[in-house]
Amino acid sequence: MTKYLPGYDPEADLDRKFHALADRTRRAMVARLTRGPSSVSELAEPFGMALPTVVRHLQVLEEAQIVCSEKVGRVRTFQLVPDGTVPANAWIVAHRRPQEHRLDRLGDYLVQHEPVMPTPTPPTRTDQNPTPED
């Protein structure tokens, strides 16, 4: 795996992953690939794009090591890289936890300092204008 090679920059790797996932078309392609490998033409179908445009999107995903491809004959097939999005997810989770902790503390504070509201007394009904009886 590349993360063990000299010169590996985890921050640059994370930047590539977030850049790749920032585009809705590429996210849709990743979502499609969760169901299994697909050819370029299969991935292009729902987008109405020229194949070179689709290939460029797939290259961005491949450079980010989110997908990988294999060419057999004239057909290039893409599939998800196992754990390809794990670094991005780990970064999100690591940055979400402190926010959740702060919100939990705020919730605890609000519960402890909740103002005591007097119990409202039900209004008494006084018939100022009684309805006429038949």
Protein backbone atom coordinates (compact mmCIF):
# COMPACT_ATOMS: atom_id res chain seq x y z
CA MET A 1 0.00 0.00 0.00
CA THR A 2 1.30 3.48 -0.83
CA LYS A 3 1.06 4.80 2.71
CA TYR A 4 4.19 2.83 3.58
CA LEU A 5 6.28 4.26 0.75
CA PRO A 6 8.89 6.94 1.40
CA GLY A 7 7.49 10.37 0.61
CA TYR A 8 3.89 9.38 1.29
CA ASP A 9 1.94 12.46 2.36
CA PRO A 10 -1.25 11.53 4.24
CA GLU A 11 -2.56 15.09 4.05
CA ALA A 12 -2.20 15.18 0.26
CA ASP A 13 -3.89 11.76 0.08
CA LEU A 14 -6.80 13.08 2.15
CA ASP A 15 -7.01 16.19 -0.07
CA ARG A 16 -7.29 13.97 -3.17
CA LYS A 17 -10.05 11.89 -1.59
CA PHE A 18 -12.11 14.91 -0.54
CA HIS A 19 -11.56 16.55 -3.93
CA ALA A 20 -12.72 13.39 -5.69
CA LEU A 21 -15.82 13.11 -3.51
CA ALA A 22 -16.67 16.81 -3.80
CA ASP A 23 -18.32 16.25 -7.18
CA ARG A 24 -21.86 14.84 -7.23
CA THR A 25 -21.26 12.85 -10.42
CA ARG A 26 -18.27 11.10 -8.89
CA ARG A 27 -20.23 10.43 -5.68
CA ALA A 28 -22.99 8.87 -7.79
CA MET A 29 -20.41 6.69 -9.54
CA VAL A 30 -19.04 5.56 -6.17
CA ALA A 31 -22.57 4.80 -5.01
CA ARG A 32 -23.16 2.73 -8.16
CA LEU A 33 -19.92 0.81 -7.61
CA THR A 34 -21.06 -0.25 -4.13
CA ARG A 35 -23.28 -2.76 -5.99
CA GLY A 36 -20.28 -4.24 -7.80
CA PRO A 37 -17.86 -3.62 -10.67
CA SER A 38 -19.05 -1.76 -13.76
CA SER A 39 -17.72 -0.87 -17.17
CA VAL A 40 -17.19 2.73 -18.21
CA SER A 41 -20.23 2.63 -20.49
CA GLU A 42 -22.41 1.24 -17.67
CA LEU A 43 -21.24 4.01 -15.37
CA ALA A 44 -21.82 6.64 -18.08
CA GLU A 45 -25.41 5.56 -18.80
CA PRO A 46 -27.33 7.64 -16.23
CA PHE A 47 -25.37 10.85 -16.81
CA GLY A 48 -25.80 11.61 -20.49
CA MET A 49 -22.13 12.64 -20.73
CA ALA A 50 -19.57 11.94 -23.40
CA LEU A 51 -17.40 8.93 -22.53
CA PRO A 52 -14.19 11.03 -22.31
CA THR A 53 -15.86 13.14 -19.59
CA VAL A 54 -16.87 10.04 -17.66
CA VAL A 55 -13.36 8.63 -18.02
CA ARG A 56 -11.92 11.85 -16.59
CA HIS A 57 -14.22 11.57 -13.55
CA LEU A 58 -13.11 7.97 -13.08
CA GLN A 59 -9.44 9.00 -13.37
CA VAL A 60 -9.93 11.47 -10.52
CA LEU A 61 -11.46 8.70 -8.40
CA GLU A 62 -8.63 6.35 -9.36
CA GLU A 63 -5.94 8.92 -8.53
CA ALA A 64 -7.59 9.31 -5.12
CA GLN A 65 -7.42 5.51 -4.72
CA ILE A 66 -11.17 5.27 -4.23
CA VAL A 67 -11.63 3.07 -7.32
CA CYS A 68 -9.36 0.86 -9.36
CA SER A 69 -9.74 -0.45 -12.88
CA GLU A 70 -8.87 -3.43 -14.99
CA LYS A 71 -8.88 -3.62 -18.76
CA VAL A 72 -9.81 -6.87 -20.42
CA GLY A 73 -9.77 -6.59 -24.20
CA ARG A 74 -11.50 -3.33 -25.06
CA VAL A 75 -13.55 -3.11 -21.85
CA ARG A 76 -12.30 -1.21 -18.81
CA THR A 77 -14.06 -2.22 -15.61
CA PHE A 78 -14.00 -0.19 -12.41
CA GLN A 79 -14.56 -1.30 -8.85
CA LEU A 80 -14.20 0.24 -5.41
CA VAL A 81 -10.87 -0.04 -3.63
CA PRO A 82 -11.45 -1.83 -0.31
CA ASP A 83 -11.16 0.77 2.46
CA GLY A 84 -10.59 3.50 -0.16
CA THR A 85 -12.74 6.02 1.71
CA VAL A 86 -11.64 5.00 5.22
CA PRO A 87 -9.14 7.90 5.64
CA ALA A 88 -11.80 10.48 4.73
CA ASN A 89 -14.34 8.85 7.03
CA ALA A 90 -11.81 8.66 9.88
CA TRP A 91 -11.08 12.38 9.49
CA ILE A 92 -14.79 13.23 9.58
CA VAL A 93 -15.40 11.06 12.65
CA ALA A 94 -12.37 12.50 14.48
CA HIS A 95 -13.62 16.04 13.90
CA ARG A 96 -17.23 15.23 14.70
CA ARG A 97 -16.53 13.81 18.15
CA PRO A 98 -15.41 17.08 19.79
CA GLN A 99 -18.53 18.82 18.46
CA GLU A 100 -20.76 16.06 19.78
CA HIS A 101 -19.02 16.27 23.17
CA ARG A 102 -19.61 20.04 23.30
CA LEU A 103 -23.28 19.59 22.40
CA ASP A 104 -23.64 16.89 25.08
CA ARG A 105 -22.13 19.25 27.65
CA LEU A 106 -24.45 22.05 26.55
CA GLY A 107 -27.44 19.71 26.87
CA ASP A 108 -26.36 18.72 30.39
CA TYR A 109 -25.94 22.38 31.34
CA LEU A 110 -29.36 23.30 30.02
CA VAL A 111 -31.01 20.44 31.90
CA GLN A 112 -29.28 21.46 35.15
CA HIS A 113 -30.18 25.13 34.72
CA GLU A 114 -33.67 24.73 33.33
CA PRO A 115 -35.91 27.42 34.78
CA VAL A 116 -38.75 26.18 36.93
CA MET A 117 -41.94 27.27 35.32
CA PRO A 118 -45.00 27.67 37.54
CA THR A 119 -47.73 25.17 36.83
CA PRO A 120 -50.49 26.99 35.05
CA THR A 121 -53.85 26.86 36.75
CA PRO A 122 -56.70 25.91 34.51
CA PRO A 123 -58.98 28.82 33.74
CA THR A 124 -62.32 28.82 35.45
CA ARG A 125 -65.24 29.04 33.17
CA THR A 126 -67.65 31.80 33.81
CA ASP A 127 -70.47 31.96 31.42
CA GLN A 128 -70.89 35.62 30.71
CA ASN A 129 -73.26 34.98 27.86
CA PRO A 130 -75.15 31.77 28.52
CA THR A 131 -76.61 30.11 25.52
CA PRO A 132 -80.38 30.26 25.35
CA GLU A 133 -82.10 27.03 26.15
CA ASP A 134 -84.70 25.69 23.79
